[in-house]
Amino acid sequence: MSEPGSLIRARSGRSAAPNFHSFIINEIGAGIVAGRFPVGTILPRDAELMDTYGVSRTVLREALKTLEAKGLVEARPKVGTRVSPKSRWQLFDQQVLLWHFEAGLDPQFVGYLFDIRRLLELETVRLAAKLRTADHIRMLYYWLQQMSVSRGMADSFALATLELHRILADTSQNPMLRAALGVTEFTLAAAMPAGDSRDNSSFYETAITRRRNLVQAVEAGNVVEAETSILQAIDADLAGARSRSSAGILQNGH
């Protein structure tokens, strides 16, 4: 399973899998999402996959079970393991999102995720403005400060921003909103400027200003202002993602 922040870190290059089981899941899963194993096709036989990846049958079978749970494949007796239709893929799964990011992002797919993020985070900030505690507010301001000191460092800035949104989700006291943070992380990763540079100062300043307004609204318990602020923050992130797309960056995932 991918850890929080893995989508953002993937911007700087794919990290090594910690063991053979994870390695096989990553290789086959990423291959399916990227189209190297097309939808509807049968995966190579076990012996061929074992030889290709240098793993045992046990490791391979366990990896295929994991991919089946994610909706990417289905095992059929006497037929083999078939790549499932995209409609069955678990698109909220953190690893599946990561594979989409690594494969090169479809702007339409990114747009769908921003639509979902609006729905989720509107409810998040409504609840946060009603249920916030002094500790929550303290942590929100801490991560706002971390965003400020990370200007120009894209990945560090994105990770600090993700932590701020994580605290908001915790404040909502709704575990489902906390579990859906992968959507927010994906859109943040798509929005961030490429590389470390202060040339994108307007992007960073806008992101910080929007979050500062949001935190202040949550602190004051102002639900309407919190809703306005989160929508402005999301719109700013969407503008960043579109800017990367028009520059030819979004399609290749870097």
Foldseek 3Di string as FASTA:
>chain_A
DDDPLQLLVCLVPHDDDPDLLRVLLLVVLLCDLLCVQDAFHADDDLVVSCVVSVDDSVSNVVSVVVCVVQQQWDQDPPPHIGGHDPVRGNCLDLSNLSSCLQSFHDLVVLVVLLVVVLVLVLLLLLLLLVQPDPVLLVLLVVLLVQLVVCQQAQSSNLVSVLVNVLSSNVSSVDVVSNSSSSSVSSLSSLQTDRHGGNPVVVLSVQLSVLSVQLSVCSVVSPSVSNSVSVVSNSVSSSVSNVVCVVVVNRGNND
